[in-house]
Amino acid sequence: MKKVTIVLALAFVAIGLSLGSCKKCSTCSFTYMEGGQQFSYTYPEQCGKTSDIDAYKTGCATAAALVGSTCSCTSK
């Protein structure tokens, strides 16, 4: 009985780890004013781990802040 419990516990841990590293996708964009005209820039879709998506969103937020704008991201 103890072995079955250990095997089931390990199975649940394996499932949890595999779900935690699911591939996520996001697309970010921002708009800005230049010379009285409004422009928008959309980054290509980025897919990967949560840490990859967070870095992608941070990069967009930094670029948008440099031109006085904010970044908007949509996730899939």
N, C-alpha and C. Protein backbone atom coordinates (compact mmCIF):
# COMPACT_ATOMS: atom_id res chain seq x y z
N MET A 1 0.82 -1.19 0.00
CA MET A 1 0.00 0.00 0.00
C MET A 1 0.87 1.26 0.00
N LYS A 2 1.99 1.18 0.73
CA LYS A 2 2.88 2.33 0.81
C LYS A 2 3.48 2.65 -0.56
N LYS A 3 3.83 1.60 -1.31
CA LYS A 3 4.43 1.80 -2.64
C LYS A 3 3.43 2.45 -3.59
N VAL A 4 2.17 2.06 -3.50
CA VAL A 4 1.14 2.64 -4.36
C VAL A 4 0.98 4.13 -4.04
N THR A 5 1.00 4.48 -2.78
CA THR A 5 0.88 5.88 -2.38
C THR A 5 2.05 6.70 -2.90
N ILE A 6 3.25 6.14 -2.81
CA ILE A 6 4.43 6.84 -3.30
C ILE A 6 4.35 7.03 -4.82
N VAL A 7 3.95 6.00 -5.53
CA VAL A 7 3.83 6.08 -6.99
C VAL A 7 2.79 7.13 -7.37
N LEU A 8 1.65 7.13 -6.69
CA LEU A 8 0.62 8.13 -6.99
C LEU A 8 1.10 9.54 -6.68
N ALA A 9 1.82 9.70 -5.58
CA ALA A 9 2.34 11.03 -5.23
C ALA A 9 3.32 11.51 -6.29
N LEU A 10 4.20 10.63 -6.74
CA LEU A 10 5.15 10.99 -7.79
C LEU A 10 4.45 11.32 -9.10
N ALA A 11 3.38 10.60 -9.39
CA ALA A 11 2.62 10.88 -10.61
C ALA A 11 1.99 12.27 -10.55
N PHE A 12 1.43 12.62 -9.40
CA PHE A 12 0.84 13.94 -9.26
C PHE A 12 1.89 15.04 -9.36
N VAL A 13 3.06 14.82 -8.80
CA VAL A 13 4.15 15.79 -8.91
C VAL A 13 4.56 15.96 -10.37
N ALA A 14 4.70 14.86 -11.09
CA ALA A 14 5.08 14.92 -12.50
C ALA A 14 4.04 15.67 -13.32
N ILE A 15 2.77 15.42 -13.05
CA ILE A 15 1.71 16.12 -13.77
C ILE A 15 1.75 17.61 -13.45
N GLY A 16 1.94 17.93 -12.18
CA GLY A 16 2.01 19.34 -11.78
C GLY A 16 3.16 20.08 -12.43
N LEU A 17 4.31 19.43 -12.51
CA LEU A 17 5.46 20.06 -13.15
C LEU A 17 5.25 20.24 -14.65
N SER A 18 4.63 19.27 -15.28
CA SER A 18 4.42 19.39 -16.72
C SER A 18 3.39 20.46 -17.04
N LEU A 19 2.39 20.63 -16.21
CA LEU A 19 1.39 21.68 -16.44
C LEU A 19 1.96 23.06 -16.14
N GLY A 20 2.86 23.14 -15.19
CA GLY A 20 3.46 24.41 -14.83
C GLY A 20 4.34 24.98 -15.92
N SER A 21 4.84 24.15 -16.80
CA SER A 21 5.72 24.62 -17.85
C SER A 21 5.01 24.66 -19.20
N CYS A 22 3.71 24.82 -19.19
CA CYS A 22 2.95 24.89 -20.44
C CYS A 22 3.43 26.08 -21.26
N LYS A 23 3.40 25.91 -22.54
CA LYS A 23 3.80 26.97 -23.45
C LYS A 23 2.66 27.98 -23.55
N LYS A 24 2.97 29.24 -23.30
CA LYS A 24 1.99 30.30 -23.38
C LYS A 24 2.39 31.25 -24.51
N CYS A 25 1.42 31.96 -25.06
CA CYS A 25 1.71 32.91 -26.14
C CYS A 25 1.11 34.26 -25.79
N SER A 26 1.77 35.31 -26.24
CA SER A 26 1.31 36.66 -25.99
C SER A 26 1.72 37.56 -27.16
N THR A 27 0.91 38.59 -27.40
CA THR A 27 1.23 39.61 -28.40
C THR A 27 1.10 40.97 -27.73
N CYS A 28 2.12 41.79 -27.85
CA CYS A 28 2.13 43.11 -27.21
C CYS A 28 2.24 44.21 -28.26
N SER A 29 1.68 45.36 -27.91
CA SER A 29 1.74 46.52 -28.80
C SER A 29 1.65 47.80 -27.98
N PHE A 30 2.03 48.90 -28.62
CA PHE A 30 1.86 50.21 -28.01
C PHE A 30 1.68 51.25 -29.11
N THR A 31 1.06 52.35 -28.75
CA THR A 31 0.89 53.47 -29.69
C THR A 31 1.64 54.67 -29.13
N TYR A 32 2.06 55.54 -30.04
CA TYR A 32 2.80 56.73 -29.62
C TYR A 32 2.59 57.85 -30.62
N MET A 33 2.84 59.07 -30.17
CA MET A 33 2.71 60.25 -31.02
C MET A 33 4.09 60.71 -31.47
N GLU A 34 4.18 61.05 -32.75
CA GLU A 34 5.43 61.58 -33.29
C GLU A 34 5.08 62.57 -34.39
N GLY A 35 5.52 63.79 -34.24
CA GLY A 35 5.25 64.82 -35.25
C GLY A 35 3.77 65.07 -35.44
N GLY A 36 2.99 64.94 -34.37
CA GLY A 36 1.56 65.18 -34.46
C GLY A 36 0.77 64.02 -35.03
N GLN A 37 1.44 62.95 -35.36
CA GLN A 37 0.74 61.77 -35.89
C GLN A 37 0.84 60.62 -34.90
N GLN A 38 -0.19 59.79 -34.90
CA GLN A 38 -0.21 58.63 -34.02
C GLN A 38 0.27 57.40 -34.78
N PHE A 39 1.21 56.69 -34.18
CA PHE A 39 1.75 55.46 -34.76
C PHE A 39 1.53 54.33 -33.76
N SER A 40 1.49 53.13 -34.27
CA SER A 40 1.41 51.97 -33.37
C SER A 40 2.44 50.95 -33.81
N TYR A 41 2.93 50.22 -32.84
CA TYR A 41 3.89 49.16 -33.10
C TYR A 41 3.40 47.89 -32.42
N THR A 42 3.33 46.82 -33.17
CA THR A 42 2.93 45.53 -32.63
C THR A 42 4.10 44.56 -32.74
N TYR A 43 4.48 44.00 -31.62
CA TYR A 43 5.55 43.01 -31.61
C TYR A 43 5.02 41.69 -32.18
N PRO A 44 5.89 40.88 -32.75
CA PRO A 44 5.46 39.56 -33.19
C PRO A 44 5.04 38.71 -31.99
N GLU A 45 4.18 37.75 -32.22
CA GLU A 45 3.73 36.88 -31.14
C GLU A 45 4.92 36.15 -30.53
N GLN A 46 4.94 36.10 -29.21
CA GLN A 46 6.00 35.41 -28.48
C GLN A 46 5.38 34.25 -27.70
N CYS A 47 5.95 33.08 -27.84
CA CYS A 47 5.48 31.90 -27.11
C CYS A 47 6.62 31.33 -26.29
N GLY A 48 6.28 30.77 -25.14
CA GLY A 48 7.31 30.16 -24.31
C GLY A 48 6.83 29.99 -22.89
N LYS A 49 7.78 29.80 -22.00
CA LYS A 49 7.49 29.65 -20.58
C LYS A 49 7.04 31.00 -20.02
N THR A 50 6.47 30.96 -18.84
CA THR A 50 5.99 32.18 -18.19
C THR A 50 7.12 33.20 -18.05
N SER A 51 8.31 32.75 -17.71
CA SER A 51 9.44 33.68 -17.56
C SER A 51 9.80 34.34 -18.89
N ASP A 52 9.68 33.60 -20.00
CA ASP A 52 9.94 34.17 -21.32
C ASP A 52 8.90 35.24 -21.65
N ILE A 53 7.64 34.96 -21.36
CA ILE A 53 6.56 35.91 -21.63
C ILE A 53 6.71 37.15 -20.76
N ASP A 54 7.10 36.96 -19.50
CA ASP A 54 7.31 38.11 -18.61
C ASP A 54 8.42 39.01 -19.14
N ALA A 55 9.50 38.43 -19.62
CA ALA A 55 10.60 39.22 -20.18
C ALA A 55 10.15 39.96 -21.44
N TYR A 56 9.36 39.31 -22.26
CA TYR A 56 8.81 39.92 -23.48
C TYR A 56 7.95 41.13 -23.13
N LYS A 57 7.08 40.98 -22.11
CA LYS A 57 6.20 42.07 -21.69
C LYS A 57 7.00 43.22 -21.08
N THR A 58 8.04 42.89 -20.33
CA THR A 58 8.90 43.92 -19.75
C THR A 58 9.61 44.72 -20.84
N GLY A 59 10.06 44.03 -21.87
CA GLY A 59 10.71 44.71 -22.99
C GLY A 59 9.76 45.67 -23.69
N CYS A 60 8.53 45.24 -23.88
CA CYS A 60 7.53 46.11 -24.51
C CYS A 60 7.25 47.32 -23.62
N ALA A 61 7.09 47.09 -22.32
CA ALA A 61 6.81 48.18 -21.39
C ALA A 61 7.95 49.19 -21.38
N THR A 62 9.18 48.71 -21.45
CA THR A 62 10.35 49.60 -21.46
C THR A 62 10.39 50.43 -22.74
N ALA A 63 10.16 49.80 -23.88
CA ALA A 63 10.16 50.52 -25.16
C ALA A 63 9.04 51.55 -25.20
N ALA A 64 7.87 51.17 -24.70
CA ALA A 64 6.74 52.10 -24.70
C ALA A 64 7.01 53.29 -23.79
N ALA A 65 7.62 53.05 -22.65
CA ALA A 65 7.94 54.14 -21.71
C ALA A 65 8.91 55.13 -22.33
N LEU A 66 9.81 54.66 -23.17
CA LEU A 66 10.79 55.55 -23.81
C LEU A 66 10.13 56.55 -24.74
N VAL A 67 8.96 56.22 -25.27
CA VAL A 67 8.26 57.14 -26.17
C VAL A 67 7.03 57.74 -25.50
N GLY A 68 6.92 57.58 -24.18
CA GLY A 68 5.83 58.17 -23.42
C GLY A 68 4.50 57.46 -23.58
N SER A 69 4.54 56.16 -23.73
CA SER A 69 3.32 55.39 -23.93
C SER A 69 3.28 54.23 -22.94
N THR A 70 2.26 53.40 -23.05
CA THR A 70 2.17 52.18 -22.25
C THR A 70 1.96 51.00 -23.17
N CYS A 71 2.39 49.86 -22.73
CA CYS A 71 2.30 48.63 -23.51
C CYS A 71 1.02 47.90 -23.15
N SER A 72 0.41 47.29 -24.15
CA SER A 72 -0.79 46.48 -23.96
C SER A 72 -0.52 45.10 -24.55
N CYS A 73 -0.80 44.05 -23.75
CA CYS A 73 -0.53 42.69 -24.20
C CYS A 73 -1.78 41.84 -24.11
N THR A 74 -1.92 40.93 -25.07
CA THR A 74 -3.02 39.96 -25.02
C THR A 74 -2.39 38.58 -25.00
N SER A 75 -2.93 37.70 -24.20
CA SER A 75 -2.40 36.35 -24.05
C SER A 75 -3.36 35.34 -24.67
N LYS A 76 -2.79 34.23 -25.10
CA LYS A 76 -3.57 33.13 -25.65
C LYS A 76 -3.42 31.93 -24.76
